[in-house]
Structures are given as structure tokens and as C-alpha cells.
Amino acid sequence: MTGYGITIDLTSNYNAVTYVVIFSAAVGVVLRGQDNILTGVHCYNKASSFGGVGTLMNGLFLGDANVLLIKL
């Protein structure tokens, strides 16, 4: 069986996750802290129709921060 657990769970601040490919997780990345950067992260995990989540952001957005999603 696949699609269980969390692959990357960051609870601290000021982290960078770069060029990571995630297979077979229920949740690919969980961000609980603030000021984290994700670049080149690809989540091929459990389908959303089965409860899967690619990136879950629980972090605080400071000042005029925003989320930028780019599809290439």
C-alpha cells in the first residue's frame, strides 16, 4: 500500500527545500513555520480525490507576504 504519512514536515523558520521529487505520500510537504522557500518540488503522491495533499501550508505570512504558484 502506498500514500501514507508526510514526506517533509518543517516546523522551524527560514528553510529552503530545492529540487525534490516525492513519490507515494499522503502529504508531500507540510510547512508549519514561516519564511520557507520551496523551489522545484514535485509531489507525485496520493491523488487528491483519495485525500492526498501536495503542499500544506500552516505557516504565518508576515507583512505583505503572498503565495506565488507558477505552472511551467
N, C-alpha and C. Protein backbone atom coordinates (compact mmCIF):
# COMPACT_ATOMS: atom_id res chain seq x y z
N MET A 1 0.84 -1.18 0.00
CA MET A 1 0.00 0.00 0.00
C MET A 1 0.88 1.24 0.00
N THR A 2 0.45 2.24 -0.71
CA THR A 2 1.22 3.49 -0.78
C THR A 2 0.36 4.66 -0.37
N GLY A 3 0.98 5.81 -0.19
CA GLY A 3 0.25 7.02 0.07
C GLY A 3 -0.04 7.27 1.54
N TYR A 4 0.90 6.91 2.42
CA TYR A 4 0.71 7.14 3.85
C TYR A 4 1.81 8.03 4.39
N GLY A 5 1.49 8.88 5.34
CA GLY A 5 2.49 9.69 6.01
C GLY A 5 2.81 10.99 5.32
N ILE A 6 3.75 11.72 5.96
CA ILE A 6 4.23 13.01 5.47
C ILE A 6 5.69 12.84 5.10
N THR A 7 6.07 13.31 3.92
CA THR A 7 7.46 13.17 3.48
C THR A 7 8.36 14.22 4.13
N ILE A 8 8.02 15.51 4.02
CA ILE A 8 8.82 16.59 4.60
C ILE A 8 7.90 17.40 5.50
N ASP A 9 8.28 17.53 6.78
CA ASP A 9 7.48 18.27 7.76
C ASP A 9 8.40 19.29 8.43
N LEU A 10 8.26 20.57 8.04
CA LEU A 10 9.12 21.64 8.57
C LEU A 10 8.37 22.44 9.63
N THR A 11 8.88 22.43 10.84
CA THR A 11 8.24 23.18 11.92
C THR A 11 9.05 24.41 12.31
N SER A 12 10.18 24.61 11.68
CA SER A 12 11.04 25.76 12.00
C SER A 12 10.91 26.83 10.92
N ASN A 13 11.64 27.91 11.09
CA ASN A 13 11.59 29.04 10.17
C ASN A 13 12.82 29.08 9.27
N TYR A 14 12.69 29.78 8.15
CA TYR A 14 13.81 30.09 7.24
C TYR A 14 14.47 28.83 6.68
N ASN A 15 13.70 27.98 6.05
CA ASN A 15 14.21 26.78 5.39
C ASN A 15 14.06 26.92 3.89
N ALA A 16 14.89 26.19 3.16
CA ALA A 16 14.77 26.13 1.70
C ALA A 16 14.76 24.66 1.29
N VAL A 17 13.73 24.26 0.56
CA VAL A 17 13.64 22.92 0.01
C VAL A 17 13.75 23.08 -1.50
N THR A 18 14.79 22.51 -2.08
CA THR A 18 15.03 22.71 -3.51
C THR A 18 15.24 21.39 -4.22
N TYR A 19 14.67 21.28 -5.40
CA TYR A 19 14.84 20.16 -6.32
C TYR A 19 14.62 18.81 -5.64
N VAL A 20 13.36 18.60 -5.24
CA VAL A 20 12.97 17.37 -4.56
C VAL A 20 11.81 16.74 -5.33
N VAL A 21 11.85 15.43 -5.49
CA VAL A 21 10.74 14.69 -6.09
C VAL A 21 10.22 13.74 -5.02
N ILE A 22 8.90 13.79 -4.78
CA ILE A 22 8.27 12.99 -3.74
C ILE A 22 7.29 12.02 -4.39
N PHE A 23 7.44 10.73 -4.06
CA PHE A 23 6.54 9.70 -4.56
C PHE A 23 5.81 9.04 -3.38
N SER A 24 4.57 8.70 -3.58
CA SER A 24 3.79 7.86 -2.67
C SER A 24 3.73 8.36 -1.24
N ALA A 25 3.19 9.53 -1.04
CA ALA A 25 2.96 10.05 0.31
C ALA A 25 1.53 10.56 0.38
N ALA A 26 0.96 10.56 1.57
CA ALA A 26 -0.36 11.16 1.72
C ALA A 26 -0.24 12.68 1.62
N VAL A 27 0.82 13.23 2.24
CA VAL A 27 1.11 14.66 2.18
C VAL A 27 2.57 14.81 1.78
N GLY A 28 2.83 15.58 0.74
CA GLY A 28 4.20 15.76 0.27
C GLY A 28 5.02 16.63 1.20
N VAL A 29 4.59 17.88 1.42
CA VAL A 29 5.33 18.83 2.24
C VAL A 29 4.35 19.55 3.17
N VAL A 30 4.72 19.66 4.45
CA VAL A 30 3.94 20.44 5.41
C VAL A 30 4.84 21.56 5.92
N LEU A 31 4.39 22.81 5.78
CA LEU A 31 5.13 23.96 6.27
C LEU A 31 4.38 24.54 7.47
N ARG A 32 4.99 24.43 8.66
CA ARG A 32 4.36 24.92 9.88
C ARG A 32 5.00 26.23 10.36
N GLY A 33 6.21 26.50 9.91
CA GLY A 33 6.91 27.73 10.28
C GLY A 33 6.66 28.80 9.24
N GLN A 34 7.43 29.88 9.34
CA GLN A 34 7.29 30.96 8.36
C GLN A 34 8.60 31.20 7.63
N ASP A 35 8.49 31.94 6.54
CA ASP A 35 9.64 32.33 5.72
C ASP A 35 10.37 31.12 5.12
N ASN A 36 9.64 30.16 4.61
CA ASN A 36 10.22 29.00 3.94
C ASN A 36 10.12 29.17 2.43
N ILE A 37 11.07 28.58 1.71
CA ILE A 37 11.10 28.68 0.26
C ILE A 37 11.11 27.27 -0.32
N LEU A 38 10.20 27.01 -1.27
CA LEU A 38 10.18 25.75 -2.00
C LEU A 38 10.44 26.05 -3.46
N THR A 39 11.42 25.38 -4.05
CA THR A 39 11.76 25.55 -5.45
C THR A 39 11.98 24.19 -6.08
N GLY A 40 11.30 23.92 -7.18
CA GLY A 40 11.49 22.66 -7.89
C GLY A 40 11.02 21.44 -7.11
N VAL A 41 9.95 21.58 -6.34
CA VAL A 41 9.42 20.46 -5.56
C VAL A 41 8.27 19.83 -6.35
N HIS A 42 8.37 18.55 -6.64
CA HIS A 42 7.36 17.82 -7.41
C HIS A 42 6.78 16.71 -6.54
N CYS A 43 5.48 16.76 -6.29
CA CYS A 43 4.81 15.77 -5.44
C CYS A 43 3.96 14.85 -6.32
N TYR A 44 4.39 13.61 -6.48
CA TYR A 44 3.61 12.60 -7.19
C TYR A 44 3.11 11.62 -6.14
N ASN A 45 2.15 12.08 -5.37
CA ASN A 45 1.69 11.27 -4.25
C ASN A 45 0.24 10.88 -4.42
N LYS A 46 -0.40 10.51 -3.34
CA LYS A 46 -1.79 10.07 -3.34
C LYS A 46 -2.69 11.12 -4.00
N ALA A 47 -3.60 10.68 -4.82
CA ALA A 47 -4.49 11.60 -5.54
C ALA A 47 -5.37 12.38 -4.58
N SER A 48 -5.67 13.61 -4.93
CA SER A 48 -6.50 14.46 -4.06
C SER A 48 -7.89 13.86 -3.84
N SER A 49 -8.40 13.13 -4.80
CA SER A 49 -9.71 12.50 -4.62
C SER A 49 -9.70 11.43 -3.54
N PHE A 50 -8.49 10.95 -3.18
CA PHE A 50 -8.33 9.97 -2.10
C PHE A 50 -7.76 10.61 -0.84
N GLY A 51 -7.76 11.94 -0.76
CA GLY A 51 -7.29 12.63 0.44
C GLY A 51 -5.84 13.07 0.41
N GLY A 52 -5.16 12.93 -0.70
CA GLY A 52 -3.76 13.33 -0.80
C GLY A 52 -3.60 14.84 -0.91
N VAL A 53 -2.48 15.36 -0.40
CA VAL A 53 -2.18 16.79 -0.44
C VAL A 53 -0.74 16.94 -0.90
N GLY A 54 -0.50 17.80 -1.87
CA GLY A 54 0.87 18.05 -2.33
C GLY A 54 1.65 18.88 -1.33
N THR A 55 1.21 20.11 -1.08
CA THR A 55 1.87 21.01 -0.12
C THR A 55 0.80 21.62 0.78
N LEU A 56 1.02 21.49 2.08
CA LEU A 56 0.10 22.03 3.08
C LEU A 56 0.82 23.13 3.83
N MET A 57 0.28 24.35 3.77
CA MET A 57 0.93 25.48 4.43
C MET A 57 0.12 25.91 5.65
N ASN A 58 0.71 25.73 6.82
CA ASN A 58 0.11 26.18 8.07
C ASN A 58 0.87 27.37 8.63
N GLY A 59 1.85 27.89 7.89
CA GLY A 59 2.75 28.93 8.39
C GLY A 59 2.14 30.30 8.42
N LEU A 60 2.72 31.17 9.18
CA LEU A 60 2.31 32.55 9.31
C LEU A 60 2.89 33.36 8.15
N PHE A 61 2.06 34.19 7.53
CA PHE A 61 2.52 35.08 6.47
C PHE A 61 2.72 36.46 7.06
N LEU A 62 3.95 36.92 7.09
CA LEU A 62 4.29 38.18 7.72
C LEU A 62 4.16 39.35 6.75
N GLY A 63 3.77 40.51 7.26
CA GLY A 63 3.73 41.73 6.46
C GLY A 63 2.86 41.60 5.24
N ASP A 64 3.40 41.91 4.08
CA ASP A 64 2.63 41.83 2.83
C ASP A 64 3.02 40.59 2.03
N ALA A 65 3.30 39.50 2.73
CA ALA A 65 3.72 38.25 2.09
C ALA A 65 2.60 37.68 1.23
N ASN A 66 2.97 36.84 0.27
CA ASN A 66 1.98 36.21 -0.58
C ASN A 66 2.46 34.82 -0.99
N VAL A 67 1.60 34.10 -1.67
CA VAL A 67 1.92 32.80 -2.21
C VAL A 67 1.92 32.93 -3.72
N LEU A 68 2.98 32.47 -4.35
CA LEU A 68 3.10 32.55 -5.80
C LEU A 68 3.22 31.13 -6.35
N LEU A 69 2.26 30.75 -7.15
CA LEU A 69 2.28 29.43 -7.78
C LEU A 69 2.49 29.62 -9.27
N ILE A 70 3.50 28.95 -9.80
CA ILE A 70 3.84 29.09 -11.21
C ILE A 70 3.75 27.73 -11.89
N LYS A 71 2.97 27.65 -12.94
CA LYS A 71 2.89 26.42 -13.72
C LYS A 71 3.68 26.65 -15.00
N LEU A 72 4.69 25.82 -15.21
CA LEU A 72 5.53 25.96 -16.41
C LEU A 72 5.10 25.03 -17.50
